[in-house]
Amino acid sequence: MVFGKKATGKGFGPAAQKAFLAHLAQTANVSASAKVAGVTTRPVYDLRKKSEQFCAKWLAALSEGYARLEANLLSEALSAPASNMKDSTFKQKQMKTRIGMALLAAHKATVRGSTKPAPSRSRDPNEVQARLEARFAVMRKRMGDDNSAAE
């Protein structure tokens, strides 16, 4: 397979999508999963933007993949080192575990409870102000702030 080109003329059809999602659930690695499916990441991300159904399946697979990675990293972190392990090997193992846990934490919002990737937002000052005012209104309502009616 030549990377950067589709492996087949069929593109990212149902069989490739199934392969992609299965690999994503195992690894939480989008690039590797796209390669297994025989495509680049471009059609994968394009379909995620266009199809709510595929996006939901993507997030479910990604969540499963991250749960697997988290379980593996926790197991690794909690296991006792071998008595004959070199100090440098032990330090590398610790560093990989810390990096993995940091990456999991960074992507936690993506895989926990989110139904869609966050949309890109406008930086137009009027739209930003409107979004902030809407958030404040929701906060006031949650807090039962009687002063919100006075404004």
C-alpha atoms as a PDB file:
ATOM      1  CA  MET A   1       0.000   0.000   0.000  1.00  0.00           C
ATOM      2  CA  VAL A   2       1.252   3.441  -0.877  1.00  0.00           C
ATOM      3  CA  PHE A   3       0.586   5.663   2.106  1.00  0.00           C
ATOM      4  CA  GLY A   4      -1.271   8.827   1.216  1.00  0.00           C
ATOM      5  CA  LYS A   5      -3.438   7.130  -1.412  1.00  0.00           C
ATOM      6  CA  LYS A   6      -6.472   4.946  -1.059  1.00  0.00           C
ATOM      7  CA  ALA A   7      -5.688   1.266  -1.223  1.00  0.00           C
ATOM      8  CA  THR A   8      -8.758   0.474  -3.307  1.00  0.00           C
ATOM      9  CA  GLY A   9     -11.070   2.314  -5.657  1.00  0.00           C
ATOM     10  CA  LYS A  10     -13.933   1.768  -3.225  1.00  0.00           C
ATOM     11  CA  GLY A  11     -12.698   4.419  -0.812  1.00  0.00           C
ATOM     12  CA  PHE A  12     -13.964   4.486   2.725  1.00  0.00           C
ATOM     13  CA  GLY A  13     -16.979   2.228   2.332  1.00  0.00           C
ATOM     14  CA  PRO A  14     -18.790   0.117   4.952  1.00  0.00           C
ATOM     15  CA  ALA A  15     -16.122  -2.627   5.095  1.00  0.00           C
ATOM     16  CA  ALA A  16     -13.314  -0.093   5.539  1.00  0.00           C
ATOM     17  CA  GLN A  17     -15.374   1.776   8.159  1.00  0.00           C
ATOM     18  CA  LYS A  18     -15.915  -1.454  10.086  1.00  0.00           C
ATOM     19  CA  ALA A  19     -12.187  -2.265   9.975  1.00  0.00           C
ATOM     20  CA  PHE A  20     -11.332   1.278  11.048  1.00  0.00           C
ATOM     21  CA  LEU A  21     -13.750   1.261  14.009  1.00  0.00           C
ATOM     22  CA  ALA A  22     -12.650  -2.202  15.160  1.00  0.00           C
ATOM     23  CA  HIS A  23      -8.985  -1.181  15.148  1.00  0.00           C
ATOM     24  CA  LEU A  24      -9.795   2.154  16.809  1.00  0.00           C
ATOM     25  CA  ALA A  25     -11.563   0.297  19.636  1.00  0.00           C
ATOM     26  CA  GLN A  26      -8.427  -1.797  20.134  1.00  0.00           C
ATOM     27  CA  THR A  27      -5.829   0.970  19.929  1.00  0.00           C
ATOM     28  CA  ALA A  28      -7.433   4.437  20.136  1.00  0.00           C
ATOM     29  CA  ASN A  29      -5.048   5.340  17.303  1.00  0.00           C
ATOM     30  CA  VAL A  30      -6.775   7.092  14.399  1.00  0.00           C
ATOM     31  CA  SER A  31      -3.807   7.049  12.007  1.00  0.00           C
ATOM     32  CA  ALA A  32      -3.051   3.362  12.519  1.00  0.00           C
ATOM     33  CA  SER A  33      -6.747   2.501  12.252  1.00  0.00           C
ATOM     34  CA  ALA A  34      -7.064   4.400   8.966  1.00  0.00           C
ATOM     35  CA  LYS A  35      -4.025   2.556   7.624  1.00  0.00           C
ATOM     36  CA  VAL A  36      -5.603  -0.790   8.581  1.00  0.00           C
ATOM     37  CA  ALA A  37      -8.766   0.306   6.757  1.00  0.00           C
ATOM     38  CA  GLY A  38      -6.689   1.103   3.669  1.00  0.00           C
ATOM     39  CA  VAL A  39      -7.235   4.862   3.619  1.00  0.00           C
ATOM     40  CA  THR A  40      -5.591   8.041   4.797  1.00  0.00           C
ATOM     41  CA  THR A  41      -7.056   9.953   7.720  1.00  0.00           C
ATOM     42  CA  ARG A  42      -8.669  12.554   5.444  1.00  0.00           C
ATOM     43  CA  PRO A  43     -11.748  10.514   4.394  1.00  0.00           C
ATOM     44  CA  VAL A  44     -12.091   9.268   7.952  1.00  0.00           C
ATOM     45  CA  TYR A  45     -12.233  12.775   9.419  1.00  0.00           C
ATOM     46  CA  ASP A  46     -14.442  13.956   6.545  1.00  0.00           C
ATOM     47  CA  LEU A  47     -16.979  11.225   7.247  1.00  0.00           C
ATOM     48  CA  ARG A  48     -16.904  12.003  10.963  1.00  0.00           C
ATOM     49  CA  LYS A  49     -17.857  15.604  10.151  1.00  0.00           C
ATOM     50  CA  LYS A  50     -20.622  14.615   7.733  1.00  0.00           C
ATOM     51  CA  SER A  51     -22.223  11.625   9.457  1.00  0.00           C
ATOM     52  CA  GLU A  52     -23.624  11.826  12.969  1.00  0.00           C
ATOM     53  CA  GLN A  53     -24.031   8.044  12.981  1.00  0.00           C
ATOM     54  CA  PHE A  54     -20.368   7.463  12.109  1.00  0.00           C
ATOM     55  CA  CYS A  55     -19.320  10.122  14.606  1.00  0.00           C
ATOM     56  CA  ALA A  56     -21.237   8.302  17.369  1.00  0.00           C
ATOM     57  CA  LYS A  57     -19.620   4.983  16.407  1.00  0.00           C
ATOM     58  CA  TRP A  58     -16.213   6.709  16.318  1.00  0.00           C
ATOM     59  CA  LEU A  59     -16.660   8.092  19.820  1.00  0.00           C
ATOM     60  CA  ALA A  60     -17.841   4.724  21.151  1.00  0.00           C
ATOM     61  CA  ALA A  61     -14.829   2.979  19.615  1.00  0.00           C
ATOM     62  CA  LEU A  62     -12.461   5.684  20.829  1.00  0.00           C
ATOM     63  CA  SER A  63     -13.913   5.448  24.325  1.00  0.00           C
ATOM     64  CA  GLU A  64     -13.381   1.684  24.318  1.00  0.00           C
ATOM     65  CA  GLY A  65      -9.846   2.120  23.024  1.00  0.00           C
ATOM     66  CA  TYR A  66      -9.003   4.635  25.724  1.00  0.00           C
ATOM     67  CA  ALA A  67     -10.510   2.383  28.395  1.00  0.00           C
ATOM     68  CA  ARG A  68      -8.240  -0.428  27.183  1.00  0.00           C
ATOM     69  CA  LEU A  69      -5.199   1.831  27.169  1.00  0.00           C
ATOM     70  CA  GLU A  70      -6.034   3.156  30.608  1.00  0.00           C
ATOM     71  CA  ALA A  71      -6.406  -0.365  32.004  1.00  0.00           C
ATOM     72  CA  ASN A  72      -3.093  -1.417  30.448  1.00  0.00           C
ATOM     73  CA  LEU A  73      -1.288   1.661  31.747  1.00  0.00           C
ATOM     74  CA  LEU A  74      -2.711   1.239  35.237  1.00  0.00           C
ATOM     75  CA  SER A  75      -1.729  -2.415  35.251  1.00  0.00           C
ATOM     76  CA  GLU A  76       1.772  -1.475  34.136  1.00  0.00           C
ATOM     77  CA  ALA A  77       2.043   1.279  36.736  1.00  0.00           C
ATOM     78  CA  LEU A  78       0.877  -0.986  39.553  1.00  0.00           C
ATOM     79  CA  SER A  79       2.973  -4.024  38.669  1.00  0.00           C
ATOM     80  CA  ALA A  80       6.143  -4.594  40.616  1.00  0.00           C
ATOM     81  CA  PRO A  81       9.306  -4.242  38.553  1.00  0.00           C
ATOM     82  CA  ALA A  82      11.349  -7.349  37.869  1.00  0.00           C
ATOM     83  CA  SER A  83      14.229  -7.704  40.297  1.00  0.00           C
ATOM     84  CA  ASN A  84      16.760  -7.970  37.467  1.00  0.00           C
ATOM     85  CA  MET A  85      15.499  -4.871  35.600  1.00  0.00           C
ATOM     86  CA  LYS A  86      18.124  -2.229  34.912  1.00  0.00           C
ATOM     87  CA  ASP A  87      17.562   1.183  36.459  1.00  0.00           C
ATOM     88  CA  SER A  88      17.483   2.881  33.034  1.00  0.00           C
ATOM     89  CA  THR A  89      14.862   0.408  31.791  1.00  0.00           C
ATOM     90  CA  PHE A  90      12.759   1.006  34.896  1.00  0.00           C
ATOM     91  CA  LYS A  91      12.955   4.786  34.415  1.00  0.00           C
ATOM     92  CA  GLN A  92      11.938   4.464  30.739  1.00  0.00           C
ATOM     93  CA  LYS A  93       8.988   2.282  31.747  1.00  0.00           C
ATOM     94  CA  GLN A  94       7.894   4.844  34.343  1.00  0.00           C
ATOM     95  CA  MET A  95       8.212   7.694  31.861  1.00  0.00           C
ATOM     96  CA  LYS A  96       6.134   5.878  29.232  1.00  0.00           C
ATOM     97  CA  THR A  97       3.435   5.200  31.809  1.00  0.00           C
ATOM     98  CA  ARG A  98       3.389   8.852  32.939  1.00  0.00           C
ATOM     99  CA  ILE A  99       3.206  10.097  29.357  1.00  0.00           C
ATOM    100  CA  GLY A 100       0.418   7.656  28.571  1.00  0.00           C
ATOM    101  CA  MET A 101      -1.589   8.716  31.607  1.00  0.00           C
ATOM    102  CA  ALA A 102      -1.056  12.397  30.745  1.00  0.00           C
ATOM    103  CA  LEU A 103      -2.321  11.778  27.206  1.00  0.00           C
ATOM    104  CA  LEU A 104      -5.349   9.940  28.539  1.00  0.00           C
ATOM    105  CA  ALA A 105      -6.089  12.859  30.852  1.00  0.00           C
ATOM    106  CA  ALA A 106      -5.710  15.342  28.004  1.00  0.00           C
ATOM    107  CA  HIS A 107      -8.220  13.444  25.878  1.00  0.00           C
ATOM    108  CA  LYS A 108     -10.615  12.565  28.696  1.00  0.00           C
ATOM    109  CA  ALA A 109     -13.211  15.112  27.575  1.00  0.00           C
ATOM    110  CA  THR A 110     -13.155  13.673  24.074  1.00  0.00           C
ATOM    111  CA  VAL A 111     -14.038  10.178  25.148  1.00  0.00           C
ATOM    112  CA  ARG A 112     -16.117  10.675  28.264  1.00  0.00           C
ATOM    113  CA  GLY A 113     -19.671  11.860  27.767  1.00  0.00           C
ATOM    114  CA  SER A 114     -19.137  13.903  24.632  1.00  0.00           C
ATOM    115  CA  THR A 115     -21.540  13.173  21.822  1.00  0.00           C
ATOM    116  CA  LYS A 116     -19.710  15.191  19.190  1.00  0.00           C
ATOM    117  CA  PRO A 117     -16.359  16.844  18.744  1.00  0.00           C
ATOM    118  CA  ALA A 118     -16.547  20.478  19.775  1.00  0.00           C
ATOM    119  CA  PRO A 119     -17.481  22.671  16.818  1.00  0.00           C
ATOM    120  CA  SER A 120     -15.116  25.404  15.814  1.00  0.00           C
ATOM    121  CA  ARG A 121     -16.410  28.686  17.158  1.00  0.00           C
ATOM    122  CA  SER A 122     -16.534  32.125  15.676  1.00  0.00           C
ATOM    123  CA  ARG A 123     -14.275  34.791  17.108  1.00  0.00           C
ATOM    124  CA  ASP A 124     -16.676  37.547  16.123  1.00  0.00           C
ATOM    125  CA  PRO A 125     -16.989  39.760  19.244  1.00  0.00           C
ATOM    126  CA  ASN A 126     -20.787  39.913  19.001  1.00  0.00           C
ATOM    127  CA  GLU A 127     -21.094  36.121  18.781  1.00  0.00           C
ATOM    128  CA  VAL A 128     -18.607  35.628  21.632  1.00  0.00           C
ATOM    129  CA  GLN A 129     -20.588  38.061  23.797  1.00  0.00           C
ATOM    130  CA  ALA A 130     -23.854  36.293  22.950  1.00  0.00           C
ATOM    131  CA  ARG A 131     -22.365  32.892  23.895  1.00  0.00           C
ATOM    132  CA  LEU A 132     -21.050  34.279  27.180  1.00  0.00           C
ATOM    133  CA  GLU A 133     -24.381  35.904  28.040  1.00  0.00           C
ATOM    134  CA  ALA A 134     -26.167  32.620  27.323  1.00  0.00           C
ATOM    135  CA  ARG A 135     -23.730  30.752  29.611  1.00  0.00           C
ATOM    136  CA  PHE A 136     -24.204  33.315  32.369  1.00  0.00           C
ATOM    137  CA  ALA A 137     -27.978  33.010  32.051  1.00  0.00           C
ATOM    138  CA  VAL A 138     -27.731  29.237  32.455  1.00  0.00           C
ATOM    139  CA  MET A 139     -25.466  29.672  35.505  1.00  0.00           C
ATOM    140  CA  ARG A 140     -27.849  32.170  37.085  1.00  0.00           C
ATOM    141  CA  LYS A 141     -30.773  29.818  36.511  1.00  0.00           C
ATOM    142  CA  ARG A 142     -28.865  26.889  38.069  1.00  0.00           C
ATOM    143  CA  MET A 143     -27.901  28.980  41.076  1.00  0.00           C
ATOM    144  CA  GLY A 144     -31.444  30.295  41.486  1.00  0.00           C
ATOM    145  CA  ASP A 145     -30.139  33.844  41.436  1.00  0.00           C
ATOM    146  CA  ASP A 146     -33.026  36.195  42.033  1.00  0.00           C
ATOM    147  CA  ASN A 147     -30.921  39.128  40.835  1.00  0.00           C
ATOM    148  CA  SER A 148     -31.018  37.847  37.253  1.00  0.00           C
ATOM    149  CA  ALA A 149     -34.578  39.150  36.902  1.00  0.00           C
ATOM    150  CA  ALA A 150     -33.487  42.626  38.051  1.00  0.00           C
ATOM    151  CA  GLU A 151     -31.057  43.041  35.162  1.00  0.00           C
END
